C-alpha atoms as a PDB file:
ATOM      1  CA  GLU A   1     -22.133 286.211  27.039  1.00  0.00           C
ATOM      2  CA  GLN A   2     -23.409 282.765  26.430  1.00  0.00           C
ATOM      3  CA  ARG A   3     -23.660 283.047  22.709  1.00  0.00           C
ATOM      4  CA  PHE A   4     -20.136 284.109  22.598  1.00  0.00           C
ATOM      5  CA  GLU A   5     -18.902 281.364  24.720  1.00  0.00           C
ATOM      6  CA  ASP A   6     -20.891 278.857  22.624  1.00  0.00           C
ATOM      7  CA  THR A   7     -19.614 280.240  19.410  1.00  0.00           C
ATOM      8  CA  PHE A   8     -16.041 280.703  20.209  1.00  0.00           C
ATOM      9  CA  GLY A   9     -15.324 278.569  23.318  1.00  0.00           C
ATOM     10  CA  LEU A  10     -12.729 280.794  24.632  1.00  0.00           C
ATOM     11  CA  GLY A  11     -13.505 279.899  28.306  1.00  0.00           C
ATOM     12  CA  ALA A  12     -13.352 276.146  27.614  1.00  0.00           C
ATOM     13  CA  ARG A  13      -9.875 276.491  26.165  1.00  0.00           C
ATOM     14  CA  GLY A  14      -8.709 278.405  29.317  1.00  0.00           C
ATOM     15  CA  VAL A  15      -8.612 282.003  28.086  1.00  0.00           C
ATOM     16  CA  SER A  16      -8.699 284.541  31.026  1.00  0.00           C
ATOM     17  CA  PRO A  17     -11.821 286.659  31.952  1.00  0.00           C
ATOM     18  CA  PRO A  18      -9.852 289.851  30.861  1.00  0.00           C
ATOM     19  CA  GLN A  19      -8.923 288.302  27.493  1.00  0.00           C
ATOM     20  CA  ARG A  20     -12.482 287.219  26.844  1.00  0.00           C
ATOM     21  CA  ARG A  21     -13.736 290.608  27.473  1.00  0.00           C
ATOM     22  CA  PHE A  22     -11.131 292.016  25.189  1.00  0.00           C
ATOM     23  CA  ALA A  23     -12.406 289.520  22.351  1.00  0.00           C
ATOM     24  CA  GLN A  24     -16.085 290.495  23.097  1.00  0.00           C
ATOM     25  CA  ALA A  25     -15.349 294.267  22.825  1.00  0.00           C
ATOM     26  CA  ALA A  26     -13.347 293.086  19.478  1.00  0.00           C
ATOM     27  CA  LEU A  27     -16.390 291.520  18.103  1.00  0.00           C
ATOM     28  CA  SER A  28     -18.669 294.384  19.183  1.00  0.00           C
ATOM     29  CA  GLU A  29     -16.429 296.842  17.291  1.00  0.00           C
ATOM     30  CA  MET A  30     -16.536 294.595  14.226  1.00  0.00           C
ATOM     31  CA  LEU A  31     -20.290 294.654  14.248  1.00  0.00           C
ATOM     32  CA  GLY A  32     -20.649 298.310  14.940  1.00  0.00           C
ATOM     33  CA  GLY A  33     -18.522 298.842  11.904  1.00  0.00           C
ATOM     34  CA  ILE A  34     -21.126 297.374   9.580  1.00  0.00           C
ATOM     35  CA  GLY A  35     -22.680 299.980   7.291  1.00  0.00           C
ATOM     36  CA  PHE A  36     -25.059 300.398   4.327  1.00  0.00           C
ATOM     37  CA  PHE A  37     -23.348 302.598   1.641  1.00  0.00           C
ATOM     38  CA  HIS A  38     -25.057 303.917  -1.401  1.00  0.00           C
ATOM     39  CA  GLY A  39     -23.905 306.047  -4.430  1.00  0.00           C
ATOM     40  CA  ARG A  40     -21.807 306.253  -7.438  1.00  0.00           C
ATOM     41  CA  SER A  41     -17.969 305.359  -7.710  1.00  0.00           C
ATOM     42  CA  LEU A  42     -15.965 307.703  -9.642  1.00  0.00           C
ATOM     43  CA  LEU A  43     -14.182 305.687 -12.531  1.00  0.00           C
ATOM     44  CA  ARG A  44     -11.371 306.333 -14.756  1.00  0.00           C
ATOM     45  CA  SER A  45     -12.049 306.471 -18.481  1.00  0.00           C
ATOM     46  CA  GLU A  46      -9.828 306.289 -21.528  1.00  0.00           C
ATOM     47  CA  HIS A  47     -12.096 308.459 -23.427  1.00  0.00           C
ATOM     48  CA  ARG A  48     -11.900 311.439 -20.566  1.00  0.00           C
ATOM     49  CA  GLU A  49      -9.476 313.028 -18.411  1.00  0.00           C
ATOM     50  CA  GLU A  50     -11.626 313.428 -15.527  1.00  0.00           C
ATOM     51  CA  PRO A  51     -13.219 310.445 -13.622  1.00  0.00           C
ATOM     52  CA  VAL A  52     -16.650 309.588 -14.549  1.00  0.00           C
ATOM     53  CA  PRO A  53     -19.480 308.343 -12.376  1.00  0.00           C
ATOM     54  CA  GLY A  54     -20.239 304.634 -12.349  1.00  0.00           C
ATOM     55  CA  ALA A  55     -23.246 303.113 -11.983  1.00  0.00           C
ATOM     56  CA  GLU A  56     -25.367 303.511  -8.812  1.00  0.00           C
ATOM     57  CA  SER A  57     -24.454 300.956  -6.293  1.00  0.00           C
ATOM     58  CA  MET A  58     -25.159 299.808  -2.834  1.00  0.00           C
ATOM     59  CA  LEU A  59     -22.866 298.016  -0.424  1.00  0.00           C
ATOM     60  CA  PHE A  60     -23.383 296.338   2.989  1.00  0.00           C
ATOM     61  CA  THR A  61     -20.124 295.940   4.452  1.00  0.00           C
ATOM     62  CA  ALA A  62     -17.989 296.064   7.455  1.00  0.00           C
ATOM     63  CA  VAL A  63     -15.384 298.815   7.365  1.00  0.00           C
ATOM     64  CA  PRO A  64     -12.229 299.566   9.134  1.00  0.00           C
ATOM     65  CA  SER A  65     -13.669 302.806  10.694  1.00  0.00           C
ATOM     66  CA  ARG A  66     -17.101 304.453   9.675  1.00  0.00           C
ATOM     67  CA  SER A  67     -15.890 307.844  10.764  1.00  0.00           C
ATOM     68  CA  CYS A  68     -12.647 307.882   9.129  1.00  0.00           C
ATOM     69  CA  PHE A  69     -12.966 305.275   6.310  1.00  0.00           C
ATOM     70  CA  PRO A  70     -16.655 305.357   5.198  1.00  0.00           C
ATOM     71  CA  ARG A  71     -15.988 302.732   2.303  1.00  0.00           C
ATOM     72  CA  GLY A  72     -15.617 299.183   1.624  1.00  0.00           C
ATOM     73  CA  PHE A  73     -12.356 297.409   1.150  1.00  0.00           C
ATOM     74  CA  LEU A  74     -12.464 294.244  -0.493  1.00  0.00           C
ATOM     75  CA  TRP A  75      -9.260 292.808   0.853  1.00  0.00           C
ATOM     76  CA  ASP A  76     -10.426 293.601   4.516  1.00  0.00           C
ATOM     77  CA  GLU A  77     -13.924 292.257   4.017  1.00  0.00           C
ATOM     78  CA  GLY A  78     -12.316 288.921   3.434  1.00  0.00           C
ATOM     79  CA  PHE A  79     -10.673 289.033   7.038  1.00  0.00           C
ATOM     80  CA  HIS A  80     -14.019 290.594   8.539  1.00  0.00           C
ATOM     81  CA  LEU A  81     -16.020 287.489   7.059  1.00  0.00           C
ATOM     82  CA  LEU A  82     -13.737 285.033   9.003  1.00  0.00           C
ATOM     83  CA  LEU A  83     -14.994 286.258  12.130  1.00  0.00           C
ATOM     84  CA  LEU A  84     -18.580 287.467  11.218  1.00  0.00           C
ATOM     85  CA  GLY A  85     -18.965 283.911   9.473  1.00  0.00           C
ATOM     86  CA  ARG A  86     -18.702 282.194  12.676  1.00  0.00           C
ATOM     87  CA  TRP A  87     -20.836 284.626  14.824  1.00  0.00           C
ATOM     88  CA  ASP A  88     -23.541 284.929  12.160  1.00  0.00           C
ATOM     89  CA  PRO A  89     -23.218 283.069   9.074  1.00  0.00           C
ATOM     90  CA  ALA A  90     -26.293 284.718   7.505  1.00  0.00           C
ATOM     91  CA  LEU A  91     -24.996 288.043   8.182  1.00  0.00           C
ATOM     92  CA  ALA A  92     -21.830 286.983   6.619  1.00  0.00           C
ATOM     93  CA  ARG A  93     -23.625 285.678   3.183  1.00  0.00           C
ATOM     94  CA  ASP A  94     -25.472 288.870   2.925  1.00  0.00           C
ATOM     95  CA  ILE A  95     -22.415 290.890   3.366  1.00  0.00           C
ATOM     96  CA  LEU A  96     -20.670 288.673   0.530  1.00  0.00           C
ATOM     97  CA  ALA A  97     -23.526 288.817  -1.789  1.00  0.00           C
ATOM     98  CA  HIS A  98     -23.277 292.631  -1.699  1.00  0.00           C
ATOM     99  CA  TRP A  99     -19.742 292.326  -2.785  1.00  0.00           C
ATOM    100  CA  LEU A 100     -20.463 289.806  -5.378  1.00  0.00           C
ATOM    101  CA  ASP A 101     -23.243 292.120  -6.723  1.00  0.00           C
ATOM    102  CA  LEU A 102     -20.434 294.665  -7.518  1.00  0.00           C
ATOM    103  CA  LEU A 103     -18.884 292.071 -10.135  1.00  0.00           C
ATOM    104  CA  ASN A 104     -18.460 294.003 -13.517  1.00  0.00           C
ATOM    105  CA  THR A 105     -18.845 292.361 -16.854  1.00  0.00           C
ATOM    106  CA  ASP A 106     -15.012 291.801 -16.933  1.00  0.00           C
ATOM    107  CA  GLY A 107     -15.468 289.739 -13.854  1.00  0.00           C
ATOM    108  CA  TRP A 108     -13.764 292.235 -11.662  1.00  0.00           C
ATOM    109  CA  ILE A 109     -14.633 293.766  -8.336  1.00  0.00           C
ATOM    110  CA  PRO A 110     -12.968 296.913  -7.535  1.00  0.00           C
ATOM    111  CA  ARG A 111     -11.044 296.612  -4.196  1.00  0.00           C
ATOM    112  CA  GLU A 112     -12.299 299.689  -2.698  1.00  0.00           C
ATOM    113  CA  GLN A 113     -15.809 301.017  -2.930  1.00  0.00           C
ATOM    114  CA  ILE A 114     -16.243 304.830  -2.391  1.00  0.00           C
ATOM    115  CA  LEU A 115     -19.833 305.257  -2.836  1.00  0.00           C
ATOM    116  CA  GLY A 116     -21.270 308.835  -2.748  1.00  0.00           C
ATOM    117  CA  ASP A 117     -20.068 312.339  -1.668  1.00  0.00           C
ATOM    118  CA  GLU A 118     -19.873 311.555   2.020  1.00  0.00           C
ATOM    119  CA  ALA A 119     -17.321 308.628   1.545  1.00  0.00           C
ATOM    120  CA  ARG A 120     -15.607 310.744  -1.023  1.00  0.00           C
ATOM    121  CA  ALA A 121     -15.256 313.707   1.490  1.00  0.00           C
ATOM    122  CA  ARG A 122     -13.299 311.234   3.847  1.00  0.00           C
END
């Protein structure tokens, strides 16, 4: 609780105790949504009708829901990192580095990372 107050200063700004507890729960959910994913994405190819497996990749990321959406979303990650960057800058940098590692030779990072069979099943 002290680290939360030191980081976000909600009590000092007059936020009520129930609202602070809600904010702490939101942060807790965000931290609980961080996962490590590994596998191959399926990619479209101009040479084949069926998708082809991409290179093996790994991704450390926060996800909207580990049970319903066990995959990374680049757009969402930007918003996740706004919060995580204040709470734990090193953690935020590690997550960002994983996304940057997915940059392909064209300078493109696919917006959604569905790595492996488990993620594709959801």
